[in-house]
Amino acid sequence: MVVLVSRTGRHLQRYNKGRRLVVGCIPYRYRVTPLGDEEKLEVLVISSQKKGKGVFFPKGGWESDESLQEAALRETEEEAGVLGNLEHSLGTWYFKSKNRDNFYEGCMFPLLVEEQLEYWPEKDIRQRFWMSVTEARESCHYLWMKDALDVFVSRLGSTKRKIEEAEIVGPCKL
């Protein structure tokens, strides 16, 4: 068994115009309903290291020795203990820390979860919860993450409509 350890310190941390650059994921899956007739979208949120600070999506600092995508995957594995397929960026958000006067620039990605690890670096300090999009939106601690969730859901809706429209057109006739 390989034991992973969370990165610590900020000596490799990237900044842009004084804003700390952070990156994260909205891990998601489709769960088949008990009757087996429908797939339900669920997203994964994690607890804060500090009690009573709510839940949010895994995120953390983008460091100078990794790509944006590598940082997103690393943070998600360290904090939430999941692996999967990283999709196209949902966008960039600018926000201020709730506790300090620090400014951040955050980028979020959807991650279709393929594996949920039994052991991960922050297992002893975080809990993870699968929930519906509605539950996640109500429970999420950060407004900018709620916005990212809205973009994600909107993107999924657009993709579903494109698939349905393609099915309506029917097969190609030569």
C-alpha atoms as a PDB file:
ATOM      1  CA  MET A   1       0.000   0.000   0.000  1.00  0.00           C
ATOM      2  CA  VAL A   2       1.295   3.466  -0.926  1.00  0.00           C
ATOM      3  CA  VAL A   3       0.736   6.168   1.676  1.00  0.00           C
ATOM      4  CA  LEU A   4       0.198   9.673   0.322  1.00  0.00           C
ATOM      5  CA  VAL A   5       0.954  12.773   2.350  1.00  0.00           C
ATOM      6  CA  SER A   6      -0.599  16.220   1.952  1.00  0.00           C
ATOM      7  CA  ARG A   7       1.692  18.985   0.818  1.00  0.00           C
ATOM      8  CA  THR A   8       2.355  21.620   3.444  1.00  0.00           C
ATOM      9  CA  GLY A   9       3.756  25.137   3.416  1.00  0.00           C
ATOM     10  CA  ARG A  10       3.361  27.870   0.848  1.00  0.00           C
ATOM     11  CA  HIS A  11       6.896  28.281  -0.486  1.00  0.00           C
ATOM     12  CA  LEU A  12       5.774  27.039  -3.946  1.00  0.00           C
ATOM     13  CA  GLN A  13       2.456  28.906  -3.893  1.00  0.00           C
ATOM     14  CA  ARG A  14       1.464  30.889  -6.990  1.00  0.00           C
ATOM     15  CA  TYR A  15       0.074  34.429  -6.863  1.00  0.00           C
ATOM     16  CA  ASN A  16      -1.413  36.763  -9.464  1.00  0.00           C
ATOM     17  CA  LYS A  17      -1.482  40.484  -8.681  1.00  0.00           C
ATOM     18  CA  GLY A  18      -1.313  39.702  -4.971  1.00  0.00           C
ATOM     19  CA  ARG A  19      -4.145  37.146  -5.104  1.00  0.00           C
ATOM     20  CA  ARG A  20      -3.365  33.590  -4.027  1.00  0.00           C
ATOM     21  CA  LEU A  21      -4.218  31.142  -6.803  1.00  0.00           C
ATOM     22  CA  VAL A  22      -6.375  28.220  -5.693  1.00  0.00           C
ATOM     23  CA  VAL A  23      -7.873  25.383  -7.666  1.00  0.00           C
ATOM     24  CA  GLY A  24     -10.442  22.738  -6.901  1.00  0.00           C
ATOM     25  CA  CYS A  25     -12.970  20.254  -8.177  1.00  0.00           C
ATOM     26  CA  ILE A  26     -16.617  19.458  -7.994  1.00  0.00           C
ATOM     27  CA  PRO A  27     -16.431  15.666  -7.742  1.00  0.00           C
ATOM     28  CA  TYR A  28     -19.576  14.008  -9.064  1.00  0.00           C
ATOM     29  CA  ARG A  29     -21.113  10.653  -9.886  1.00  0.00           C
ATOM     30  CA  TYR A  30     -24.349   9.176 -11.139  1.00  0.00           C
ATOM     31  CA  ARG A  31     -26.019   6.785  -8.720  1.00  0.00           C
ATOM     32  CA  VAL A  32     -28.696   4.414  -9.965  1.00  0.00           C
ATOM     33  CA  THR A  33     -31.912   4.838  -7.958  1.00  0.00           C
ATOM     34  CA  PRO A  34     -33.190   1.883  -5.884  1.00  0.00           C
ATOM     35  CA  LEU A  35     -35.718   0.980  -8.578  1.00  0.00           C
ATOM     36  CA  GLY A  36     -32.921   1.010 -11.140  1.00  0.00           C
ATOM     37  CA  ASP A  37     -34.887   3.152 -13.551  1.00  0.00           C
ATOM     38  CA  GLU A  38     -33.046   6.443 -13.154  1.00  0.00           C
ATOM     39  CA  GLU A  39     -29.566   7.822 -12.564  1.00  0.00           C
ATOM     40  CA  LYS A  40     -29.291  10.486  -9.884  1.00  0.00           C
ATOM     41  CA  LEU A  41     -26.545  13.112  -9.984  1.00  0.00           C
ATOM     42  CA  GLU A  42     -24.615  13.440  -6.725  1.00  0.00           C
ATOM     43  CA  VAL A  43     -21.712  15.713  -5.803  1.00  0.00           C
ATOM     44  CA  LEU A  44     -19.091  15.185  -3.130  1.00  0.00           C
ATOM     45  CA  VAL A  45     -18.433  17.812  -0.475  1.00  0.00           C
ATOM     46  CA  ILE A  46     -15.955  17.717   2.387  1.00  0.00           C
ATOM     47  CA  SER A  47     -15.947  19.093   5.897  1.00  0.00           C
ATOM     48  CA  SER A  48     -13.673  21.887   6.991  1.00  0.00           C
ATOM     49  CA  GLN A  49     -10.662  21.126   9.175  1.00  0.00           C
ATOM     50  CA  LYS A  50     -12.215  23.530  11.687  1.00  0.00           C
ATOM     51  CA  LYS A  51     -15.453  22.490  13.385  1.00  0.00           C
ATOM     52  CA  GLY A  52     -18.599  24.356  12.467  1.00  0.00           C
ATOM     53  CA  LYS A  53     -17.269  25.872   9.235  1.00  0.00           C
ATOM     54  CA  GLY A  54     -19.689  23.989   6.987  1.00  0.00           C
ATOM     55  CA  VAL A  55     -18.870  21.933   3.920  1.00  0.00           C
ATOM     56  CA  PHE A  56     -17.361  22.798   0.573  1.00  0.00           C
ATOM     57  CA  PHE A  57     -15.707  21.307  -2.487  1.00  0.00           C
ATOM     58  CA  PRO A  58     -12.056  20.250  -2.294  1.00  0.00           C
ATOM     59  CA  LYS A  59      -9.667  23.061  -3.198  1.00  0.00           C
ATOM     60  CA  GLY A  60      -6.249  24.361  -2.373  1.00  0.00           C
ATOM     61  CA  GLY A  61      -3.204  26.215  -3.579  1.00  0.00           C
ATOM     62  CA  TRP A  62      -1.804  25.940  -7.100  1.00  0.00           C
ATOM     63  CA  GLU A  63       1.928  25.449  -6.755  1.00  0.00           C
ATOM     64  CA  SER A  64       4.723  26.456  -9.129  1.00  0.00           C
ATOM     65  CA  ASP A  65       5.899  22.896  -9.849  1.00  0.00           C
ATOM     66  CA  GLU A  66       2.567  21.643 -11.237  1.00  0.00           C
ATOM     67  CA  SER A  67       0.000  22.422 -13.908  1.00  0.00           C
ATOM     68  CA  LEU A  68      -3.414  23.784 -12.982  1.00  0.00           C
ATOM     69  CA  GLN A  69      -4.960  20.390 -13.746  1.00  0.00           C
ATOM     70  CA  GLU A  70      -2.362  18.526 -11.663  1.00  0.00           C
ATOM     71  CA  ALA A  71      -3.068  20.839  -8.718  1.00  0.00           C
ATOM     72  CA  ALA A  72      -6.830  20.229  -9.002  1.00  0.00           C
ATOM     73  CA  LEU A  73      -6.335  16.466  -9.037  1.00  0.00           C
ATOM     74  CA  ARG A  74      -3.829  16.584  -6.154  1.00  0.00           C
ATOM     75  CA  GLU A  75      -6.050  18.719  -3.928  1.00  0.00           C
ATOM     76  CA  THR A  76      -9.065  16.511  -4.592  1.00  0.00           C
ATOM     77  CA  GLU A  77      -7.146  13.348  -3.772  1.00  0.00           C
ATOM     78  CA  GLU A  78      -5.572  14.865  -0.630  1.00  0.00           C
ATOM     79  CA  GLU A  79      -8.757  16.375   0.790  1.00  0.00           C
ATOM     80  CA  ALA A  80     -11.563  14.134  -0.518  1.00  0.00           C
ATOM     81  CA  GLY A  81      -9.836  10.856  -1.346  1.00  0.00           C
ATOM     82  CA  VAL A  82     -11.283  10.470  -4.824  1.00  0.00           C
ATOM     83  CA  LEU A  83      -9.784   9.962  -8.283  1.00  0.00           C
ATOM     84  CA  GLY A  84     -11.404  10.403 -11.668  1.00  0.00           C
ATOM     85  CA  ASN A  85     -11.610  12.177 -14.991  1.00  0.00           C
ATOM     86  CA  LEU A  86     -10.987  15.910 -14.887  1.00  0.00           C
ATOM     87  CA  GLU A  87     -13.173  17.873 -17.287  1.00  0.00           C
ATOM     88  CA  HIS A  88     -12.914  21.382 -18.773  1.00  0.00           C
ATOM     89  CA  SER A  89     -12.641  24.310 -16.372  1.00  0.00           C
ATOM     90  CA  LEU A  90     -15.870  25.830 -15.088  1.00  0.00           C
ATOM     91  CA  GLY A  91     -14.267  29.255 -14.856  1.00  0.00           C
ATOM     92  CA  THR A  92     -12.393  31.566 -12.531  1.00  0.00           C
ATOM     93  CA  TRP A  93     -13.746  33.376  -9.490  1.00  0.00           C
ATOM     94  CA  TYR A  94     -12.293  36.250  -7.460  1.00  0.00           C
ATOM     95  CA  PHE A  95     -13.102  36.363  -3.770  1.00  0.00           C
ATOM     96  CA  LYS A  96     -11.957  37.601  -0.383  1.00  0.00           C
ATOM     97  CA  SER A  97     -11.288  35.382   2.612  1.00  0.00           C
ATOM     98  CA  LYS A  98     -14.086  35.439   5.176  1.00  0.00           C
ATOM     99  CA  ASN A  99     -11.624  35.392   8.073  1.00  0.00           C
ATOM    100  CA  ARG A 100      -8.815  37.589   6.782  1.00  0.00           C
ATOM    101  CA  ASP A 101      -8.226  40.347   4.277  1.00  0.00           C
ATOM    102  CA  ASN A 102      -6.654  37.919   1.804  1.00  0.00           C
ATOM    103  CA  PHE A 103      -7.757  37.935  -1.821  1.00  0.00           C
ATOM    104  CA  TYR A 104      -7.959  34.808  -3.956  1.00  0.00           C
ATOM    105  CA  GLU A 105      -8.392  33.762  -7.547  1.00  0.00           C
ATOM    106  CA  GLY A 106     -10.035  30.334  -7.768  1.00  0.00           C
ATOM    107  CA  CYS A 107     -10.510  27.974 -10.689  1.00  0.00           C
ATOM    108  CA  MET A 108     -12.879  24.991 -10.491  1.00  0.00           C
ATOM    109  CA  PHE A 109     -13.172  21.811 -12.550  1.00  0.00           C
ATOM    110  CA  PRO A 110     -15.780  19.052 -12.648  1.00  0.00           C
ATOM    111  CA  LEU A 111     -14.334  15.627 -11.804  1.00  0.00           C
ATOM    112  CA  LEU A 112     -16.247  12.483 -12.758  1.00  0.00           C
ATOM    113  CA  VAL A 113     -15.295  10.157  -9.904  1.00  0.00           C
ATOM    114  CA  GLU A 114     -13.995   6.742 -10.882  1.00  0.00           C
ATOM    115  CA  GLU A 115     -12.468   5.645  -7.584  1.00  0.00           C
ATOM    116  CA  GLN A 116     -13.143   6.442  -3.951  1.00  0.00           C
ATOM    117  CA  LEU A 117     -10.102   5.694  -1.802  1.00  0.00           C
ATOM    118  CA  GLU A 118     -10.374   3.984   1.561  1.00  0.00           C
ATOM    119  CA  TYR A 119      -7.323   5.882   2.831  1.00  0.00           C
ATOM    120  CA  TRP A 120      -6.248   9.369   1.799  1.00  0.00           C
ATOM    121  CA  PRO A 121      -3.973  12.050   3.289  1.00  0.00           C
ATOM    122  CA  GLU A 122      -6.662  14.067   5.114  1.00  0.00           C
ATOM    123  CA  LYS A 123      -8.922  11.163   6.090  1.00  0.00           C
ATOM    124  CA  ASP A 124      -8.417  11.817   9.798  1.00  0.00           C
ATOM    125  CA  ILE A 125      -9.265  15.531   9.638  1.00  0.00           C
ATOM    126  CA  ARG A 126     -12.099  15.669   7.092  1.00  0.00           C
ATOM    127  CA  GLN A 127     -15.344  13.897   6.367  1.00  0.00           C
ATOM    128  CA  ARG A 128     -16.775  13.479   2.896  1.00  0.00           C
ATOM    129  CA  PHE A 129     -20.449  13.457   1.995  1.00  0.00           C
ATOM    130  CA  TRP A 130     -22.254  12.560  -1.218  1.00  0.00           C
ATOM    131  CA  MET A 131     -25.360  14.684  -1.659  1.00  0.00           C
ATOM    132  CA  SER A 132     -27.752  16.039  -4.242  1.00  0.00           C
ATOM    133  CA  VAL A 133     -26.937  19.280  -6.019  1.00  0.00           C
ATOM    134  CA  THR A 134     -29.705  21.023  -4.056  1.00  0.00           C
ATOM    135  CA  GLU A 135     -28.345  19.788  -0.723  1.00  0.00           C
ATOM    136  CA  ALA A 136     -24.792  20.787  -1.690  1.00  0.00           C
ATOM    137  CA  ARG A 137     -25.899  24.252  -2.753  1.00  0.00           C
ATOM    138  CA  GLU A 138     -27.692  24.767   0.573  1.00  0.00           C
ATOM    139  CA  SER A 139     -24.787  23.396   2.643  1.00  0.00           C
ATOM    140  CA  CYS A 140     -21.784  24.848   0.833  1.00  0.00           C
ATOM    141  CA  HIS A 141     -19.901  27.446   2.843  1.00  0.00           C
ATOM    142  CA  TYR A 142     -18.605  29.567  -0.068  1.00  0.00           C
ATOM    143  CA  LEU A 143     -20.692  31.677  -2.443  1.00  0.00           C
ATOM    144  CA  TRP A 144     -18.127  31.367  -5.230  1.00  0.00           C
ATOM    145  CA  MET A 145     -18.348  27.568  -5.013  1.00  0.00           C
ATOM    146  CA  LYS A 146     -22.135  27.768  -5.232  1.00  0.00           C
ATOM    147  CA  ASP A 147     -21.670  29.811  -8.413  1.00  0.00           C
ATOM    148  CA  ALA A 148     -19.295  27.147  -9.775  1.00  0.00           C
ATOM    149  CA  LEU A 149     -21.892  24.483  -8.946  1.00  0.00           C
ATOM    150  CA  ASP A 150     -24.518  26.468 -10.879  1.00  0.00           C
ATOM    151  CA  VAL A 151     -22.190  26.652 -13.904  1.00  0.00           C
ATOM    152  CA  PHE A 152     -21.576  22.902 -13.643  1.00  0.00           C
ATOM    153  CA  VAL A 153     -25.296  22.063 -13.517  1.00  0.00           C
ATOM    154  CA  SER A 154     -25.995  24.445 -16.400  1.00  0.00           C
ATOM    155  CA  ARG A 155     -23.257  22.767 -18.465  1.00  0.00           C
ATOM    156  CA  LEU A 156     -24.704  19.328 -17.745  1.00  0.00           C
ATOM    157  CA  GLY A 157     -28.147  20.562 -18.799  1.00  0.00           C
ATOM    158  CA  SER A 158     -26.745  21.904 -22.081  1.00  0.00           C
ATOM    159  CA  THR A 159     -25.013  18.616 -22.805  1.00  0.00           C
ATOM    160  CA  LYS A 160     -28.181  16.645 -22.041  1.00  0.00           C
ATOM    161  CA  ARG A 161     -30.225  18.892 -24.363  1.00  0.00           C
ATOM    162  CA  LYS A 162     -27.693  18.416 -27.178  1.00  0.00           C
ATOM    163  CA  ILE A 163     -27.885  14.623 -26.767  1.00  0.00           C
ATOM    164  CA  GLU A 164     -31.706  14.686 -26.745  1.00  0.00           C
ATOM    165  CA  GLU A 165     -31.787  16.916 -29.837  1.00  0.00           C
ATOM    166  CA  ALA A 166     -29.421  14.556 -31.630  1.00  0.00           C
ATOM    167  CA  GLU A 167     -31.709  11.632 -30.787  1.00  0.00           C
ATOM    168  CA  ILE A 168     -34.751  13.485 -32.120  1.00  0.00           C
ATOM    169  CA  VAL A 169     -33.061  14.087 -35.482  1.00  0.00           C
ATOM    170  CA  GLY A 170     -32.572  10.362 -35.870  1.00  0.00           C
ATOM    171  CA  PRO A 171     -30.118   8.309 -37.876  1.00  0.00           C
ATOM    172  CA  CYS A 172     -28.415   9.593 -40.970  1.00  0.00           C
ATOM    173  CA  LYS A 173     -30.126   8.540 -44.246  1.00  0.00           C
ATOM    174  CA  LEU A 174     -27.828   8.060 -47.228  1.00  0.00           C
END
